Amino acid sequence: MSHAAIEVHPIAGRIGGEIRGVDLAGDLDEGVIELLREALLRLKVVFFRDQRLDPESQRAFARRFGPVTTAHPTVPGLREHPDVLDVDARGGNVASQWHTDVTFVDRPPFGSILRAVVVPPVGGDTLWANTASAYDDLPAELQKLADSLEALHTNQFDYARRRDELSEQLRAYGKVFESVRYETVHPVVRVHPETGERALFLGSFARSIVGLSQSDSAALLRIFRKHVERHENLVRWRWRAGDVAFWDNRTTQHRAIADFGREPRRLQRVTIVGDVPSGVDGRRSKSLVGDSADYTRDAA
């Protein structure tokens, strides 16, 4: 495949780009892989239209960037492809809260590759946020504070106050999601191991700031969340069947928009093994509860 045929088109000012002229199921040489990796690091999330991937070739493409994880620490993957997570709205899997993938383990994914299988006729878009530019936007004193903080991330949700409002499917999915407890302490500001950028490393799995009261913790998390979710830091993608999104999980958050009612929406995800995050002062993430070794076994 000729490098000259590949075009990278930024979509928004701070995040996101569409890459054209590449067949992800094809025989990609190392030069193409490096070009895609450079675009990913620069744009944080890249999109590909009209791809012909299936679960096997999606996994093969992901492995060009590193070993892959199992589908999820608690949620099983496809029966024939256990490294592929089936994100099917009919099973209650609509990730409509802002999050960074699987931050409740000590080695969250380096990147995620999501492929659209069935999309609703309207709605069901996904938003991504640039958490590095969100950090850059913080006032200097807030940056200094954030640099010094750690947050507790967990996969355990407090459904008690709204359990009666949840569908039976979502309750069942939540039970599987929480079937093994994970808790990890991460730096609030993560230093990117390849670019050196500083990024807010939070999302909906971050439940509290270590050492602060619940009320003070919640107030700080709201401030940081507000900066991440500023429109200037966002890109929105309208899916078509066959589309592929590939994002740097170290410098982004994302969420699905649950505006498609009962229409079918099914996507499939493969994630690439990441490293143990490090903060500005060199402190590394620490696992408190749960062993993620099986989740990252392909890297062993």
Protein backbone atom coordinates (compact mmCIF):
# COMPACT_ATOMS: atom_id res chain seq x y z
CA MET A 1 0.00 0.00 0.00
CA SER A 2 1.44 3.36 -1.04
CA HIS A 3 1.95 5.90 1.73
CA ALA A 4 1.11 8.59 -0.79
CA ALA A 5 -2.44 7.23 -1.04
CA ILE A 6 -3.10 7.77 2.67
CA GLU A 7 -4.72 11.07 3.65
CA VAL A 8 -5.17 12.38 7.18
CA HIS A 9 -7.96 14.94 7.58
CA PRO A 10 -8.35 16.63 10.99
CA ILE A 11 -11.99 16.94 12.06
CA ALA A 12 -11.98 19.27 15.06
CA GLY A 13 -9.46 21.84 16.20
CA ARG A 14 -8.05 19.90 19.15
CA ILE A 15 -8.91 16.24 18.60
CA GLY A 16 -9.90 13.76 15.93
CA GLY A 17 -9.10 13.00 12.33
CA GLU A 18 -10.36 10.84 9.50
CA ILE A 19 -7.79 8.69 7.70
CA ARG A 20 -8.56 7.80 4.10
CA GLY A 21 -6.91 5.54 1.57
CA VAL A 22 -6.04 2.65 3.88
CA ASP A 23 -7.54 -0.86 4.06
CA LEU A 24 -7.10 -1.99 7.66
CA ALA A 25 -7.67 -5.63 6.64
CA GLY A 26 -4.87 -5.41 4.08
CA ASP A 27 -1.18 -6.25 4.33
CA LEU A 28 0.12 -3.07 5.97
CA ASP A 29 3.87 -2.50 6.01
CA GLU A 30 5.70 -1.01 8.99
CA GLY A 31 5.80 2.41 7.35
CA VAL A 32 2.01 2.55 7.23
CA ILE A 33 1.74 1.37 10.84
CA GLU A 34 4.15 4.12 11.93
CA LEU A 35 2.15 6.70 9.97
CA LEU A 36 -1.05 5.58 11.72
CA ARG A 37 0.63 5.61 15.11
CA GLU A 38 1.94 9.13 14.56
CA ALA A 39 -1.54 10.31 13.56
CA LEU A 40 -3.02 8.62 16.63
CA LEU A 41 -0.57 10.32 19.00
CA ARG A 42 -1.15 13.71 17.40
CA LEU A 43 -4.94 13.57 16.95
CA LYS A 44 -5.83 11.31 19.95
CA VAL A 45 -8.60 9.51 18.01
CA VAL A 46 -8.66 8.56 14.32
CA PHE A 47 -11.53 7.25 12.21
CA PHE A 48 -11.71 5.02 9.14
CA ARG A 49 -14.78 4.69 6.90
CA ASP A 50 -15.93 1.67 4.86
CA GLN A 51 -13.63 -0.94 6.37
CA ARG A 52 -14.00 -4.70 5.84
CA LEU A 53 -12.76 -5.94 9.20
CA ASP A 54 -14.23 -8.92 11.01
CA PRO A 55 -13.36 -9.94 14.60
CA GLU A 56 -10.29 -11.91 13.51
CA SER A 57 -8.83 -9.20 11.26
CA GLN A 58 -9.71 -6.50 13.79
CA ARG A 59 -7.62 -8.34 16.38
CA ALA A 60 -4.80 -8.83 13.85
CA PHE A 61 -4.77 -5.09 13.11
CA ALA A 62 -4.71 -4.26 16.83
CA ARG A 63 -1.73 -6.55 17.41
CA ARG A 64 0.34 -4.48 14.97
CA PHE A 65 0.44 -1.90 17.79
CA GLY A 66 1.09 -4.26 20.69
CA PRO A 67 -0.27 -7.28 22.55
CA VAL A 68 -4.02 -7.26 23.07
CA THR A 69 -5.98 -7.68 26.27
CA THR A 70 -8.78 -10.12 26.85
CA ALA A 71 -12.16 -8.55 26.03
CA HIS A 72 -12.59 -7.11 29.54
CA PRO A 73 -11.54 -7.95 33.11
CA THR A 74 -15.09 -9.08 34.02
CA VAL A 75 -17.30 -9.06 30.91
CA PRO A 76 -16.76 -12.08 28.60
CA GLY A 77 -15.93 -11.56 24.95
CA LEU A 78 -17.37 -13.26 21.91
CA ARG A 79 -17.47 -17.04 22.25
CA GLU A 80 -15.33 -17.60 19.15
CA HIS A 81 -13.18 -14.50 19.76
CA PRO A 82 -12.65 -14.02 23.52
CA ASP A 83 -10.47 -10.93 22.95
CA VAL A 84 -13.34 -9.05 21.29
CA LEU A 85 -15.89 -7.21 23.46
CA ASP A 86 -19.40 -7.12 22.01
CA VAL A 87 -20.82 -3.66 22.78
CA ASP A 88 -24.47 -4.44 22.11
CA ALA A 89 -27.19 -2.08 23.32
CA ARG A 90 -29.66 -4.97 23.49
CA GLY A 91 -27.57 -6.45 26.30
CA GLY A 92 -27.53 -3.21 28.27
CA ASN A 93 -24.07 -2.17 27.10
CA VAL A 94 -24.35 1.55 26.28
CA ALA A 95 -21.42 3.42 27.83
CA SER A 96 -23.14 6.82 28.07
CA GLN A 97 -20.99 8.22 30.91
CA TRP A 98 -17.67 9.91 30.24
CA HIS A 99 -14.89 7.40 30.86
CA THR A 100 -11.43 6.20 29.93
CA ASP A 101 -11.45 2.47 29.26
CA VAL A 102 -10.75 0.09 32.17
CA THR A 103 -8.95 2.55 34.46
CA PHE A 104 -9.88 0.43 37.47
CA VAL A 105 -6.89 -1.88 36.76
CA ASP A 106 -3.22 -0.98 37.16
CA ARG A 107 -2.44 -1.29 33.42
CA PRO A 108 -5.31 0.36 31.53
CA PRO A 109 -5.22 -0.10 27.75
CA PHE A 110 -2.84 1.90 25.60
CA GLY A 111 -5.55 2.13 22.94
CA SER A 112 -8.95 0.85 21.89
CA ILE A 113 -10.19 -0.09 18.42
CA LEU A 114 -13.97 0.00 17.98
CA ARG A 115 -15.77 -1.31 14.89
CA ALA A 116 -19.38 -0.52 13.98
CA VAL A 117 -21.40 -3.65 13.15
CA VAL A 118 -25.00 -2.38 13.36
CA VAL A 119 -25.88 1.28 13.83
CA PRO A 120 -29.25 2.99 14.33
CA PRO A 121 -30.65 5.03 11.42
CA VAL A 122 -30.22 8.18 13.53
CA GLY A 123 -28.48 8.80 16.84
CA GLY A 124 -25.98 6.65 18.68
CA ASP A 125 -23.00 8.90 17.94
CA THR A 126 -19.89 8.80 20.15
CA LEU A 127 -18.02 11.76 21.67
CA TRP A 128 -14.32 11.87 22.52
CA ALA A 129 -12.53 14.44 24.69
CA ASN A 130 -8.87 15.47 24.63
CA THR A 131 -7.71 15.24 28.26
CA ALA A 132 -4.28 16.70 27.46
CA SER A 133 -5.73 19.96 26.17
CA ALA A 134 -8.10 19.92 29.16
CA TYR A 135 -5.05 19.86 31.44
CA ASP A 136 -3.40 22.63 29.41
CA ASP A 137 -6.51 24.80 29.92
CA LEU A 138 -6.34 24.57 33.71
CA PRO A 139 -5.12 27.66 35.52
CA ALA A 140 -1.52 27.24 36.72
CA GLU A 141 -2.55 26.81 40.36
CA LEU A 142 -5.06 24.10 39.47
CA GLN A 143 -2.42 22.36 37.36
CA LYS A 144 -0.05 22.40 40.33
CA LEU A 145 -2.77 20.97 42.58
CA ALA A 146 -3.77 18.29 40.07
CA ASP A 147 -0.11 17.27 39.63
CA SER A 148 0.04 16.37 43.33
CA LEU A 149 -3.17 14.32 43.54
CA GLU A 150 -4.11 10.67 43.21
CA ALA A 151 -7.57 9.22 42.59
CA LEU A 152 -9.19 5.92 43.46
CA HIS A 153 -10.69 4.13 40.44
CA THR A 154 -13.07 1.18 40.80
CA ASN A 155 -15.55 -0.85 38.75
CA GLN A 156 -18.06 -0.87 41.63
CA PHE A 157 -21.05 1.41 40.96
CA ASP A 158 -23.54 2.81 43.45
CA TYR A 159 -26.84 1.81 41.86
CA ALA A 160 -28.80 1.95 45.11
CA ARG A 161 -30.43 5.33 44.57
CA ARG A 162 -31.69 4.54 41.08
CA ARG A 163 -31.83 0.75 40.96
CA ASP A 164 -35.60 0.81 40.44
CA GLU A 165 -35.11 2.97 37.35
CA LEU A 166 -32.79 0.49 35.64
CA SER A 167 -33.99 -2.02 33.09
CA GLU A 168 -33.62 -5.71 33.84
CA GLN A 169 -30.99 -5.93 31.10
CA LEU A 170 -28.92 -3.14 32.60
CA ARG A 171 -29.14 -4.62 36.09
CA ALA A 172 -27.94 -7.96 34.72
CA TYR A 173 -25.08 -6.30 32.83
CA GLY A 174 -24.07 -4.34 35.94
CA LYS A 175 -23.96 -7.54 37.98
CA VAL A 176 -21.52 -9.10 35.52
CA PHE A 177 -19.46 -5.89 35.31
CA GLU A 178 -19.06 -5.84 39.11
CA SER A 179 -18.60 -9.62 39.51
CA VAL A 180 -14.93 -9.18 40.48
CA ARG A 181 -13.98 -6.10 42.46
CA TYR A 182 -11.11 -3.91 41.22
CA GLU A 183 -9.65 -0.85 42.89
CA THR A 184 -6.56 1.06 41.71
CA VAL A 185 -4.99 4.36 42.70
CA HIS A 186 -3.80 6.43 39.71
CA PRO A 187 -2.19 9.86 39.49
CA VAL A 188 -4.76 12.50 38.56
CA VAL A 189 -2.28 13.80 35.99
CA ARG A 190 -0.67 11.14 33.83
CA VAL A 191 2.54 11.75 31.88
CA HIS A 192 2.22 10.20 28.42
CA PRO A 193 5.01 7.62 28.01
CA GLU A 194 5.57 8.46 24.31
CA THR A 195 4.89 12.18 23.91
CA GLY A 196 5.58 13.46 27.44
CA GLU A 197 2.22 15.28 27.46
CA ARG A 198 0.41 15.74 30.73
CA ALA A 199 -3.25 14.70 30.73
CA LEU A 200 -6.05 14.48 33.27
CA PHE A 201 -6.51 10.78 33.99
CA LEU A 202 -10.01 10.50 35.43
CA GLY A 203 -13.44 9.56 34.02
CA SER A 204 -16.41 7.84 35.62
CA PHE A 205 -14.36 5.05 37.22
CA ALA A 206 -12.54 7.70 39.31
CA ARG A 207 -14.67 7.86 42.45
CA SER A 208 -12.63 9.89 44.92
CA ILE A 209 -9.46 11.89 45.45
CA VAL A 210 -7.11 10.14 47.85
CA GLY A 211 -6.84 11.91 51.21
CA LEU A 212 -9.83 14.21 50.77
CA SER A 213 -13.33 14.09 52.23
CA GLN A 214 -16.12 12.88 49.99
CA SER A 215 -17.53 16.38 49.56
CA ASP A 216 -14.16 18.00 48.78
CA SER A 217 -13.31 15.13 46.46
CA ALA A 218 -16.60 15.45 44.57
CA ALA A 219 -16.11 19.20 44.19
CA LEU A 220 -12.64 18.80 42.71
CA LEU A 221 -13.74 16.03 40.38
CA ARG A 222 -16.55 18.28 39.11
CA ILE A 223 -14.04 21.05 38.35
CA PHE A 224 -11.75 18.72 36.40
CA ARG A 225 -14.71 17.11 34.62
CA LYS A 226 -15.96 20.52 33.52
CA HIS A 227 -12.63 21.26 31.84
CA VAL A 228 -12.50 17.86 30.10
CA GLU A 229 -16.03 18.26 28.72
CA ARG A 230 -15.60 21.76 27.29
CA HIS A 231 -16.81 21.81 23.68
CA GLU A 232 -13.39 22.99 22.50
CA ASN A 233 -11.91 19.65 23.60
CA LEU A 234 -14.50 17.42 21.88
CA VAL A 235 -15.07 15.60 18.61
CA ARG A 236 -18.29 13.79 17.65
CA TRP A 237 -18.46 10.83 15.26
CA ARG A 238 -21.58 9.74 13.41
CA TRP A 239 -21.26 6.02 12.82
CA ARG A 240 -21.87 4.05 9.66
CA ALA A 241 -21.65 0.26 9.55
CA GLY A 242 -18.04 -0.67 8.80
CA ASP A 243 -16.54 2.39 10.47
CA VAL A 244 -13.55 1.95 12.78
CA ALA A 245 -12.42 4.32 15.56
CA PHE A 246 -8.96 3.99 17.12
CA TRP A 247 -8.16 6.14 20.15
CA ASP A 248 -5.28 6.75 22.52
CA ASN A 249 -6.75 5.69 25.85
CA ARG A 250 -4.03 7.60 27.73
CA THR A 251 -5.14 11.07 26.61
CA THR A 252 -8.89 10.73 25.98
CA GLN A 253 -12.27 10.15 27.52
CA HIS A 254 -15.32 9.11 25.52
CA ARG A 255 -19.04 8.39 25.82
CA ALA A 256 -21.87 7.10 23.68
CA ILE A 257 -24.95 9.25 23.16
CA ALA A 258 -28.00 7.17 24.15
CA ASP A 259 -30.54 8.92 21.91
CA PHE A 260 -31.53 6.01 19.65
CA GLY A 261 -34.40 4.53 21.67
CA ARG A 262 -34.93 0.84 21.00
CA GLU A 263 -33.11 0.82 17.68
CA PRO A 264 -30.27 -1.73 17.45
CA ARG A 265 -26.72 -0.53 18.04
CA ARG A 266 -23.84 -3.01 18.08
CA LEU A 267 -20.11 -2.33 18.01
CA GLN A 268 -17.13 -4.56 18.75
CA ARG A 269 -13.98 -3.50 20.60
CA VAL A 270 -10.42 -4.76 20.88
CA THR A 271 -8.02 -3.14 23.37
CA ILE A 272 -4.23 -3.04 23.38
CA VAL A 273 -2.22 -3.69 26.54
CA GLY A 274 -0.95 -0.54 28.22
CA ASP A 275 1.72 0.32 30.78
CA VAL A 276 1.47 1.30 34.43
CA PRO A 277 0.72 5.07 34.49
CA SER A 278 3.20 7.49 36.02
CA GLY A 279 2.49 10.92 37.47
CA VAL A 280 4.41 14.18 37.24
CA ASP A 281 6.50 13.32 40.31
CA GLY A 282 7.20 9.79 39.09
CA ARG A 283 4.65 8.06 41.32
CA ARG A 284 3.17 5.02 39.60
CA SER A 285 -0.31 3.58 39.81
CA LYS A 286 -0.98 1.03 42.55
CA SER A 287 -3.46 -1.84 42.47
CA LEU A 288 -5.32 -2.19 45.78
CA VAL A 289 -7.92 -4.86 44.98
CA GLY A 290 -8.11 -7.33 42.10
CA ASP A 291 -5.48 -9.06 39.96
CA SER A 292 -5.46 -7.98 36.30
CA ALA A 293 -2.76 -10.43 35.17
CA ASP A 294 -5.22 -12.54 33.19
CA TYR A 295 -6.58 -9.44 31.45
CA THR A 296 -3.11 -8.59 30.08
CA ARG A 297 -1.86 -12.16 29.63
CA ASP A 298 -0.99 -11.62 25.94
CA ALA A 299 1.81 -9.31 27.10
CA ALA A 300 3.36 -11.92 29.41
